[in-house]
Protein backbone atom coordinates (compact mmCIF):
# COMPACT_ATOMS: atom_id res chain seq x y z
CA UNK A 1 -1.94 29.85 7.24
CA UNK A 2 -3.10 25.42 6.03
CA UNK A 3 -3.05 22.79 8.69
CA UNK A 4 -1.21 19.72 7.05
CA UNK A 5 -3.24 17.53 8.83
CA UNK A 6 -7.01 18.96 8.12
CA UNK A 7 -8.70 17.05 5.32
CA UNK A 8 -8.32 17.71 1.71
CA UNK A 9 -11.10 19.81 0.55
CA UNK A 10 -12.13 18.72 -2.89
CA UNK A 11 -14.71 16.60 -4.41
CA UNK A 12 -14.12 12.71 -4.68
CA UNK A 13 -14.99 10.67 -7.92
CA UNK A 14 -16.50 8.41 -5.65
CA UNK A 15 -18.59 10.99 -3.76
CA UNK A 16 -21.77 9.97 -5.57
CA UNK A 17 -21.31 5.85 -5.71
CA UNK A 18 -25.10 5.11 -5.74
CA UNK A 19 -23.93 1.91 -3.69
CA UNK A 20 -22.62 4.23 -0.27
CA UNK A 21 -19.34 2.01 0.01
CA UNK A 22 -17.11 4.89 -1.35
CA UNK A 23 -15.51 6.52 1.45
CA UNK A 24 -13.78 9.77 1.72
CA UNK A 25 -10.63 11.43 3.07
CA UNK A 26 -12.82 13.54 5.80
CA UNK A 27 -15.45 10.48 6.40
CA UNK A 28 -12.19 7.97 6.70
CA UNK A 29 -10.60 10.95 9.63
CA UNK A 30 -13.74 10.84 11.66
CA UNK A 31 -13.87 7.33 11.86
CA UNK A 32 -16.85 7.07 9.43
CA UNK A 33 -16.44 3.89 7.69
CA UNK A 34 -16.67 -0.45 8.71
CA UNK A 35 -14.11 -2.73 8.22
CA UNK A 36 -15.94 -5.74 7.53
CA UNK A 37 -13.92 -8.61 6.68
CA UNK A 38 -16.47 -11.57 5.82
CA UNK A 39 -17.93 -8.38 3.37
CA UNK A 40 -15.06 -7.39 2.37
CA UNK A 41 -13.35 -11.13 1.79
CA UNK A 42 -16.24 -12.06 -0.27
CA UNK A 43 -16.32 -9.08 -2.57
CA UNK A 44 -12.72 -9.56 -2.83
CA UNK A 45 -13.27 -13.31 -4.05
CA UNK A 46 -16.29 -12.22 -6.13
CA UNK A 47 -14.05 -9.69 -7.86
CA UNK A 48 -11.04 -11.69 -8.58
CA UNK A 49 -13.24 -13.33 -11.83
CA UNK A 50 -11.40 -12.02 -14.73
CA UNK A 51 -9.07 -10.21 -12.39
CA UNK A 52 -6.29 -12.67 -11.78
CA UNK A 53 -4.43 -12.16 -14.85
CA UNK A 54 -4.22 -8.70 -14.10
CA UNK A 55 -2.98 -9.26 -10.89
CA UNK A 56 -0.69 -12.03 -11.39
CA UNK A 57 0.85 -10.14 -13.93
CA UNK A 58 1.42 -6.91 -11.75
CA UNK A 59 3.05 -9.20 -9.39
CA UNK A 60 5.57 -10.54 -12.03
CA UNK A 61 6.32 -7.52 -13.41
CA UNK A 62 6.61 -6.15 -9.76
CA UNK A 63 9.18 -8.58 -9.23
CA UNK A 64 11.05 -8.88 -11.80
CA UNK A 65 11.67 -4.87 -11.91
CA UNK A 66 12.43 -5.10 -7.97
CA UNK A 67 15.42 -7.50 -9.18
CA UNK A 68 16.71 -5.27 -11.62
CA UNK A 69 16.55 -2.25 -9.09
CA UNK A 70 18.19 -4.71 -6.62
CA UNK A 71 21.15 -5.36 -9.21
CA UNK A 72 21.67 -1.83 -9.84
CA UNK A 73 22.01 -1.29 -6.62
CA UNK A 74 24.28 -3.74 -5.88
CA UNK A 75 26.58 -2.74 -8.37
CA UNK A 76 26.29 1.05 -7.21
CA UNK A 77 27.45 0.15 -3.75
CA UNK A 78 29.55 -2.65 -4.15
CA UNK A 79 27.28 -5.06 -2.31
CA UNK A 80 28.10 -8.89 -3.06
CA UNK A 81 25.07 -11.59 -4.42
CA UNK A 82 27.54 -14.45 -3.67
CA UNK A 83 28.11 -13.14 -0.29
CA UNK A 84 24.90 -12.18 1.22
CA UNK A 85 26.60 -12.34 4.92
CA UNK A 86 29.52 -9.93 3.53
CA UNK A 87 26.98 -7.17 2.74
CA UNK A 88 27.35 -4.43 6.02
CA UNK A 89 28.24 -1.40 6.97
CA UNK A 90 27.21 2.32 5.04
CA UNK A 91 27.21 0.43 1.26
CA UNK A 92 24.37 -2.34 2.86
CA UNK A 93 22.61 0.18 4.33
CA UNK A 94 22.67 2.72 1.33
CA UNK A 95 22.01 -0.41 -0.83
CA UNK A 96 19.04 -0.68 0.98
CA UNK A 97 17.45 3.46 0.81
CA UNK A 98 18.18 2.58 -3.19
CA UNK A 99 15.72 -0.33 -3.82
CA UNK A 100 13.46 1.36 -1.01
CA UNK A 101 12.74 4.53 -2.63
CA UNK A 102 13.51 2.93 -6.07
CA UNK A 103 10.92 0.27 -5.63
CA UNK A 104 8.42 2.63 -4.15
CA UNK A 105 6.52 3.32 -7.18
CA UNK A 106 6.29 -0.65 -8.27
CA UNK A 107 4.65 -1.39 -4.54
CA UNK A 108 2.27 1.85 -4.89
CA UNK A 109 1.38 0.67 -8.55
CA UNK A 110 0.63 -2.70 -7.07
CA UNK A 111 -1.60 -1.34 -4.58
CA UNK A 112 -3.38 0.79 -7.18
CA UNK A 113 -4.58 -2.64 -9.16
CA UNK A 114 -6.17 -3.50 -6.24
CA UNK A 115 -7.85 -0.46 -5.47
CA UNK A 116 -8.71 0.29 -9.09
CA UNK A 117 -10.35 -3.37 -9.58
CA UNK A 118 -11.99 -2.90 -6.16
CA UNK A 119 -13.48 0.86 -7.94
CA UNK A 120 -14.90 -0.99 -11.06
CA UNK A 121 -12.19 0.95 -12.96
CA UNK A 122 -9.97 -0.39 -16.07
CA UNK A 123 -6.43 -1.03 -15.30
CA UNK A 124 -3.95 -3.44 -16.37
CA UNK A 125 -1.20 -5.25 -14.80
CA UNK A 126 1.45 -2.73 -16.29
CA UNK A 127 -0.13 -0.43 -13.43
CA UNK A 128 2.90 -0.91 -10.99
CA UNK A 129 5.25 1.59 -13.69
CA UNK A 130 2.72 4.23 -13.83
CA UNK A 131 3.88 5.87 -10.90
CA UNK A 132 7.18 6.24 -11.51
CA UNK A 133 6.61 10.19 -12.21
CA UNK A 134 5.98 10.36 -8.45
CA UNK A 135 9.04 8.27 -6.83
CA UNK A 136 10.17 11.64 -4.73
CA UNK A 137 6.93 11.93 -2.80
CA UNK A 138 7.07 7.83 -2.63
CA UNK A 139 10.19 7.70 -1.87
CA UNK A 140 10.28 10.41 1.33
CA UNK A 141 7.16 8.85 2.46
CA UNK A 142 8.97 5.55 2.68
CA UNK A 143 12.11 6.42 4.58
CA UNK A 144 10.26 8.76 7.01
CA UNK A 145 7.69 5.25 7.28
CA UNK A 146 10.92 2.74 8.17
CA UNK A 147 12.48 5.58 10.26
CA UNK A 148 9.01 6.20 12.60
CA UNK A 149 8.81 2.38 12.96
CA UNK A 150 12.45 1.66 13.64
CA UNK A 151 11.86 4.22 16.44
CA UNK A 152 9.00 2.42 17.58
CA UNK A 153 10.01 -0.41 17.75
CA UNK A 154 13.14 0.68 19.57
CA UNK A 155 10.34 1.91 22.22
CA UNK A 156 9.01 -0.93 23.29
CA UNK A 157 8.10 -2.88 20.15
CA UNK A 158 4.41 -1.50 20.48
CA UNK A 159 4.66 1.50 19.11
CA UNK A 160 6.44 0.53 16.28
CA UNK A 161 3.57 -2.52 15.67
CA UNK A 162 0.76 0.40 15.65
CA UNK A 163 2.67 2.44 13.33
CA UNK A 164 2.70 -0.27 10.67
CA UNK A 165 -0.27 -0.83 10.17
CA UNK A 166 -1.10 3.38 11.29
CA UNK A 167 0.73 3.51 7.61
CA UNK A 168 -0.82 1.18 5.64
CA UNK A 169 -2.23 3.25 2.96
CA UNK A 170 0.68 6.13 3.00
CA UNK A 171 1.33 5.20 -1.07
CA UNK A 172 -1.59 4.70 -2.37
CA UNK A 173 -2.95 7.93 -0.81
CA UNK A 174 0.14 10.19 -2.48
CA UNK A 175 -0.73 8.70 -5.82
CA UNK A 176 -3.71 8.56 -5.88
CA UNK A 177 -5.00 11.88 -3.63
CA UNK A 178 -1.37 13.59 -4.76
CA UNK A 179 -0.69 14.07 -0.83
CA UNK A 180 2.97 15.23 0.29
CA UNK A 181 5.02 12.70 2.40
CA UNK A 182 3.71 13.77 5.52
CA UNK A 183 0.21 15.04 4.45
CA UNK A 184 -0.13 10.92 3.53
CA UNK A 185 1.85 9.64 6.50
CA UNK A 186 -0.72 11.38 8.95
CA UNK A 187 -3.76 10.82 7.45
CA UNK A 188 -3.01 7.38 6.91
CA UNK A 189 -1.92 7.30 10.97
CA UNK A 190 -4.99 9.19 11.50
CA UNK A 191 -7.98 7.52 9.31
CA UNK A 192 -6.61 4.12 11.02
CA UNK A 193 -6.08 5.10 13.97
CA UNK A 194 -10.26 5.37 14.26
CA UNK A 195 -10.72 1.90 14.03
CA UNK A 196 -6.65 0.23 14.02
CA UNK A 197 -7.65 -2.87 15.90
CA UNK A 198 -10.27 -4.50 13.47
CA UNK A 199 -7.60 -3.20 10.18
CA UNK A 200 -5.20 -4.35 12.37
CA UNK A 201 -7.55 -7.69 12.74
CA UNK A 202 -7.92 -7.78 9.27
CA UNK A 203 -4.35 -7.05 8.29
CA UNK A 204 -3.77 -10.63 10.43
CA UNK A 205 -6.46 -12.26 8.40
CA UNK A 206 -5.05 -11.53 5.22
CA UNK A 207 -1.29 -12.85 6.08
CA UNK A 208 -3.23 -16.38 7.68
CA UNK A 209 -5.05 -16.31 4.21
CA UNK A 210 -1.28 -16.21 2.35
CA UNK A 211 0.20 -18.39 4.87
CA UNK A 212 -3.33 -21.22 4.26
CA UNK A 213 -2.75 -20.21 0.21
CA UNK A 214 1.34 -21.27 0.31
CA UNK A 215 0.68 -24.20 2.20
CA UNK A 216 -1.75 -25.66 0.11
CA UNK A 217 1.30 -26.58 -2.37
CA UNK A 218 1.16 -23.09 -3.22
CA UNK A 219 -1.32 -23.64 -5.90
CA UNK A 220 -4.20 -21.88 -3.55
CA UNK A 221 -1.76 -18.35 -3.48
CA UNK A 222 -3.17 -18.41 -7.75
CA UNK A 223 -6.21 -17.21 -5.75
CA UNK A 224 -5.59 -16.15 -2.77
CA UNK A 225 -3.18 -13.37 -3.59
CA UNK A 226 -5.48 -11.63 -6.20
CA UNK A 227 -8.11 -11.68 -3.53
CA UNK A 228 -5.89 -10.44 -0.92
CA UNK A 229 -5.01 -8.02 -3.65
CA UNK A 230 -8.49 -6.79 -4.17
CA UNK A 231 -8.65 -6.87 -0.64
CA UNK A 232 -6.72 -4.38 0.85
CA UNK A 233 -8.33 -2.60 -2.55
CA UNK A 234 -11.80 -2.47 -0.71
CA UNK A 235 -10.68 -1.15 2.08
CA UNK A 236 -8.57 1.20 0.71
CA UNK A 237 -11.97 2.61 -1.12
CA UNK A 238 -14.09 2.23 1.66
CA UNK A 239 -11.90 4.14 3.62
CA UNK A 240 -11.05 6.81 1.41
CA UNK A 241 -13.28 6.42 -2.01
CA UNK A 242 -12.70 7.84 -5.38
CA UNK A 243 -9.66 9.33 -6.92
CA UNK A 244 -9.15 13.11 -6.60
CA UNK A 245 -6.06 15.07 -8.82
CA UNK A 246 -5.94 18.54 -6.99
CA UNK A 247 -6.63 18.60 -3.18
CA UNK A 248 -6.62 21.85 -1.50
CA UNK A 249 -4.14 20.91 1.94
């Protein structure tokens, strides 16, 4: 019987990368990666040149599609746009589930823009629409994550904080490594746990930079959002490496 927690045994596209920055699932599970915040941000900043438009097109398309999904979900469940406080009960819960499930491929696509830029792969802003063929595993993974994180917050909050960070790589793992929902959840959790505090610090820094960009009359976000998107992609690349089409679990 195969072990669902074992690392996929397949060659990654980046295993022969000469700069040594590409990781792999086995390496990530062994903790064989570094979270160098300064170096990552420096590289991300350098990679924004020529890529800001790509990231911003992805952001624009994401939000337009997300609004459309929200409208459809509200119409299906009978929710109100004019009085959000009236949106309670089963209808509100169902609406949120529909939005989370349908927007999961958009989130995966947005993350993959940063990942592909980090790996010097060709990418466009329309990447946000590239993964609707994986909507089922992505949606299942998101629902499972929300349930587990919610349970974690009920259990004295700290487990919830731990899981929010530990599950940060599930969407690209599903679309980039062809993993199932539970496999992606567990591989992300086990790999991130090896360096949980540095990864947590990395996410705090990204949040602060986003906030700083917003405070700079919002204009700072023109540079901040592409930098942060690519920084996430660099961390993913350093942890998990290149694209994998048919891993054996």
